[in-house]
N, C-alpha and C. Protein backbone atom coordinates (compact mmCIF):
# COMPACT_ATOMS: atom_id res chain seq x y z
N MET A 1 0.83 -1.18 0.00
CA MET A 1 0.00 0.00 0.00
C MET A 1 0.88 1.25 0.00
N PHE A 2 1.61 1.48 1.08
CA PHE A 2 2.52 2.62 1.15
C PHE A 2 3.93 2.07 1.11
N GLY A 3 4.65 2.33 0.04
CA GLY A 3 5.96 1.75 -0.13
C GLY A 3 7.08 2.75 -0.02
N GLY A 4 6.91 3.91 -0.63
CA GLY A 4 8.00 4.87 -0.68
C GLY A 4 8.15 5.63 0.63
N ILE A 5 9.35 6.10 0.85
CA ILE A 5 9.63 6.87 2.06
C ILE A 5 8.84 8.17 2.07
N GLU A 6 8.59 8.73 0.89
CA GLU A 6 7.82 9.97 0.80
C GLU A 6 6.38 9.73 1.26
N GLN A 7 5.82 8.60 0.83
CA GLN A 7 4.45 8.29 1.21
C GLN A 7 4.34 8.02 2.71
N GLN A 8 5.31 7.33 3.26
CA GLN A 8 5.30 7.06 4.70
C GLN A 8 5.45 8.35 5.50
N THR A 9 6.29 9.25 5.01
CA THR A 9 6.48 10.53 5.68
C THR A 9 5.19 11.34 5.66
N LEU A 10 4.55 11.40 4.51
CA LEU A 10 3.29 12.12 4.39
C LEU A 10 2.22 11.49 5.28
N LEU A 11 2.13 10.18 5.28
CA LEU A 11 1.16 9.50 6.12
C LEU A 11 1.42 9.77 7.60
N THR A 12 2.68 9.78 8.00
CA THR A 12 3.03 10.05 9.38
C THR A 12 2.63 11.47 9.78
N MET A 13 2.92 12.44 8.94
CA MET A 13 2.56 13.83 9.24
C MET A 13 1.05 14.00 9.34
N ILE A 14 0.33 13.41 8.41
CA ILE A 14 -1.14 13.51 8.42
C ILE A 14 -1.70 12.83 9.66
N SER A 15 -1.17 11.66 10.00
CA SER A 15 -1.63 10.93 11.18
C SER A 15 -1.42 11.75 12.45
N HIS A 16 -0.23 12.33 12.59
CA HIS A 16 0.04 13.14 13.78
C HIS A 16 -0.92 14.33 13.86
N LEU A 17 -1.15 15.00 12.74
CA LEU A 17 -2.05 16.15 12.75
C LEU A 17 -3.49 15.75 13.07
N ILE A 18 -3.94 14.64 12.52
CA ILE A 18 -5.30 14.17 12.80
C ILE A 18 -5.46 13.84 14.27
N PHE A 19 -4.48 13.14 14.84
CA PHE A 19 -4.59 12.77 16.25
C PHE A 19 -4.40 13.97 17.18
N ILE A 20 -3.68 15.00 16.74
CA ILE A 20 -3.60 16.24 17.53
C ILE A 20 -4.98 16.88 17.61
N VAL A 21 -5.67 16.96 16.47
CA VAL A 21 -7.01 17.55 16.45
C VAL A 21 -7.97 16.74 17.31
N ILE A 22 -7.95 15.42 17.18
CA ILE A 22 -8.84 14.56 17.96
C ILE A 22 -8.56 14.69 19.44
N THR A 23 -7.28 14.68 19.82
CA THR A 23 -6.92 14.78 21.23
C THR A 23 -7.28 16.14 21.80
N TRP A 24 -7.02 17.20 21.04
CA TRP A 24 -7.38 18.55 21.49
C TRP A 24 -8.88 18.62 21.75
N TYR A 25 -9.67 18.09 20.81
CA TYR A 25 -11.12 18.08 20.97
C TYR A 25 -11.53 17.30 22.22
N ALA A 26 -10.92 16.15 22.44
CA ALA A 26 -11.26 15.31 23.59
C ALA A 26 -10.89 16.00 24.90
N LEU A 27 -9.75 16.67 24.95
CA LEU A 27 -9.31 17.31 26.18
C LEU A 27 -10.10 18.58 26.51
N GLN A 28 -10.83 19.10 25.55
CA GLN A 28 -11.66 20.28 25.81
C GLN A 28 -12.78 19.97 26.81
N GLY A 29 -13.09 18.70 27.00
CA GLY A 29 -14.11 18.30 27.95
C GLY A 29 -13.66 18.37 29.40
N PHE A 30 -12.34 18.52 29.62
CA PHE A 30 -11.81 18.60 30.98
C PHE A 30 -11.61 20.07 31.37
N GLN A 31 -11.84 20.35 32.64
CA GLN A 31 -11.57 21.69 33.16
C GLN A 31 -10.22 21.66 33.86
N ILE A 32 -9.19 21.82 33.07
CA ILE A 32 -7.84 21.71 33.59
C ILE A 32 -7.47 22.91 34.47
N GLU A 33 -8.26 23.98 34.37
CA GLU A 33 -7.98 25.18 35.15
C GLU A 33 -8.30 25.01 36.64
N LYS A 34 -9.22 24.12 36.96
CA LYS A 34 -9.68 23.97 38.35
C LYS A 34 -8.56 23.60 39.32
N PRO A 35 -7.73 22.59 39.04
CA PRO A 35 -6.67 22.26 40.01
C PRO A 35 -5.48 23.22 39.97
N MET A 36 -5.46 24.12 39.00
CA MET A 36 -4.35 25.06 38.85
C MET A 36 -4.56 26.25 39.78
N LYS A 37 -3.48 26.96 40.07
CA LYS A 37 -3.57 28.16 40.88
C LYS A 37 -4.40 29.22 40.16
N PRO A 38 -5.07 30.07 40.93
CA PRO A 38 -5.87 31.13 40.29
C PRO A 38 -4.98 32.07 39.47
N ASN A 39 -5.54 32.61 38.41
CA ASN A 39 -4.87 33.57 37.53
C ASN A 39 -3.63 33.00 36.83
N HIS A 40 -3.61 31.70 36.59
CA HIS A 40 -2.52 31.08 35.84
C HIS A 40 -3.08 30.45 34.57
N VAL A 41 -3.79 31.26 33.81
CA VAL A 41 -4.45 30.78 32.60
C VAL A 41 -3.41 30.33 31.56
N PHE A 42 -2.32 31.07 31.41
CA PHE A 42 -1.30 30.71 30.43
C PHE A 42 -0.72 29.34 30.74
N GLN A 43 -0.41 29.09 32.01
CA GLN A 43 0.15 27.79 32.39
C GLN A 43 -0.85 26.67 32.14
N ALA A 44 -2.14 26.93 32.38
CA ALA A 44 -3.16 25.92 32.13
C ALA A 44 -3.26 25.59 30.64
N LYS A 45 -3.24 26.62 29.80
CA LYS A 45 -3.30 26.40 28.35
C LYS A 45 -2.04 25.69 27.85
N LEU A 46 -0.88 26.06 28.40
CA LEU A 46 0.36 25.41 28.02
C LEU A 46 0.33 23.93 28.41
N MET A 47 -0.19 23.63 29.59
CA MET A 47 -0.32 22.23 30.03
C MET A 47 -1.25 21.47 29.09
N LEU A 48 -2.32 22.10 28.67
CA LEU A 48 -3.26 21.47 27.74
C LEU A 48 -2.59 21.18 26.40
N ILE A 49 -1.78 22.10 25.92
CA ILE A 49 -1.06 21.90 24.66
C ILE A 49 -0.06 20.76 24.79
N LEU A 50 0.69 20.75 25.90
CA LEU A 50 1.68 19.68 26.10
C LEU A 50 1.02 18.32 26.26
N LEU A 51 -0.10 18.26 26.97
CA LEU A 51 -0.85 17.00 27.09
C LEU A 51 -1.35 16.54 25.73
N THR A 52 -1.85 17.47 24.93
CA THR A 52 -2.34 17.14 23.60
C THR A 52 -1.23 16.54 22.74
N ILE A 53 -0.06 17.17 22.75
CA ILE A 53 1.06 16.67 21.95
C ILE A 53 1.50 15.30 22.43
N THR A 54 1.60 15.13 23.75
CA THR A 54 2.05 13.86 24.31
C THR A 54 1.09 12.72 23.99
N ILE A 55 -0.18 12.93 24.25
CA ILE A 55 -1.18 11.88 24.02
C ILE A 55 -1.32 11.57 22.53
N SER A 56 -1.43 12.62 21.72
CA SER A 56 -1.64 12.39 20.28
C SER A 56 -0.43 11.74 19.63
N SER A 57 0.76 12.10 20.08
CA SER A 57 1.97 11.47 19.54
C SER A 57 2.01 9.98 19.86
N THR A 58 1.67 9.64 21.09
CA THR A 58 1.66 8.24 21.50
C THR A 58 0.63 7.45 20.72
N VAL A 59 -0.56 7.97 20.59
CA VAL A 59 -1.63 7.26 19.88
C VAL A 59 -1.31 7.16 18.39
N SER A 60 -0.79 8.23 17.81
CA SER A 60 -0.44 8.20 16.39
C SER A 60 0.68 7.20 16.12
N ASN A 61 1.70 7.18 16.97
CA ASN A 61 2.78 6.21 16.80
C ASN A 61 2.27 4.77 16.91
N PHE A 62 1.35 4.52 17.84
CA PHE A 62 0.75 3.19 17.96
C PHE A 62 0.01 2.83 16.67
N PHE A 63 -0.81 3.76 16.19
CA PHE A 63 -1.58 3.54 14.98
C PHE A 63 -0.66 3.25 13.79
N LEU A 64 0.39 4.05 13.63
CA LEU A 64 1.31 3.87 12.50
C LEU A 64 2.10 2.57 12.62
N ASP A 65 2.55 2.24 13.83
CA ASP A 65 3.25 0.96 14.03
C ASP A 65 2.35 -0.20 13.65
N TYR A 66 1.12 -0.15 14.11
CA TYR A 66 0.16 -1.22 13.81
C TYR A 66 -0.06 -1.33 12.29
N LEU A 67 -0.20 -0.19 11.63
CA LEU A 67 -0.41 -0.18 10.18
C LEU A 67 0.81 -0.76 9.45
N PHE A 68 2.00 -0.31 9.79
CA PHE A 68 3.20 -0.78 9.10
C PHE A 68 3.47 -2.25 9.40
N TRP A 69 3.22 -2.68 10.63
CA TRP A 69 3.41 -4.10 10.96
C TRP A 69 2.41 -4.97 10.21
N SER A 70 1.17 -4.48 10.09
CA SER A 70 0.16 -5.28 9.39
C SER A 70 0.50 -5.42 7.91
N GLN A 71 1.24 -4.47 7.36
CA GLN A 71 1.65 -4.57 5.96
C GLN A 71 2.74 -5.62 5.79
N ARG A 72 3.45 -5.95 6.83
CA ARG A 72 4.52 -6.94 6.76
C ARG A 72 4.04 -8.37 7.01
N ILE A 73 2.81 -8.54 7.45
CA ILE A 73 2.28 -9.86 7.76
C ILE A 73 2.34 -10.81 6.57
N PRO A 74 1.97 -10.37 5.35
CA PRO A 74 2.04 -11.32 4.22
C PRO A 74 3.42 -11.92 4.00
N SER A 75 4.47 -11.20 4.35
CA SER A 75 5.82 -11.75 4.14
C SER A 75 6.13 -12.89 5.10
N PHE A 76 5.39 -12.98 6.20
CA PHE A 76 5.59 -14.10 7.14
C PHE A 76 5.09 -15.41 6.55
N PHE A 77 4.12 -15.35 5.66
CA PHE A 77 3.50 -16.55 5.12
C PHE A 77 4.02 -16.94 3.74
N GLN A 78 5.12 -16.36 3.33
CA GLN A 78 5.67 -16.70 2.01
C GLN A 78 6.75 -17.73 2.15
């Protein structure tokens, strides 16, 4: 399906961006400001951004690993 390094790179970038959007949307349901000190809105938003990057990167890497490994399965049965 995806053979060239260019295609894998593009797929990786798109996957990371998609999971960033999904994770950002999911984290909007949490009120991360409540446990933070009052008047520290910037720190709360920064924490939300860092959590989004961390979670989405982990999920995207899992998804891509699973996809690339599943493409190698046919070679096991040859």
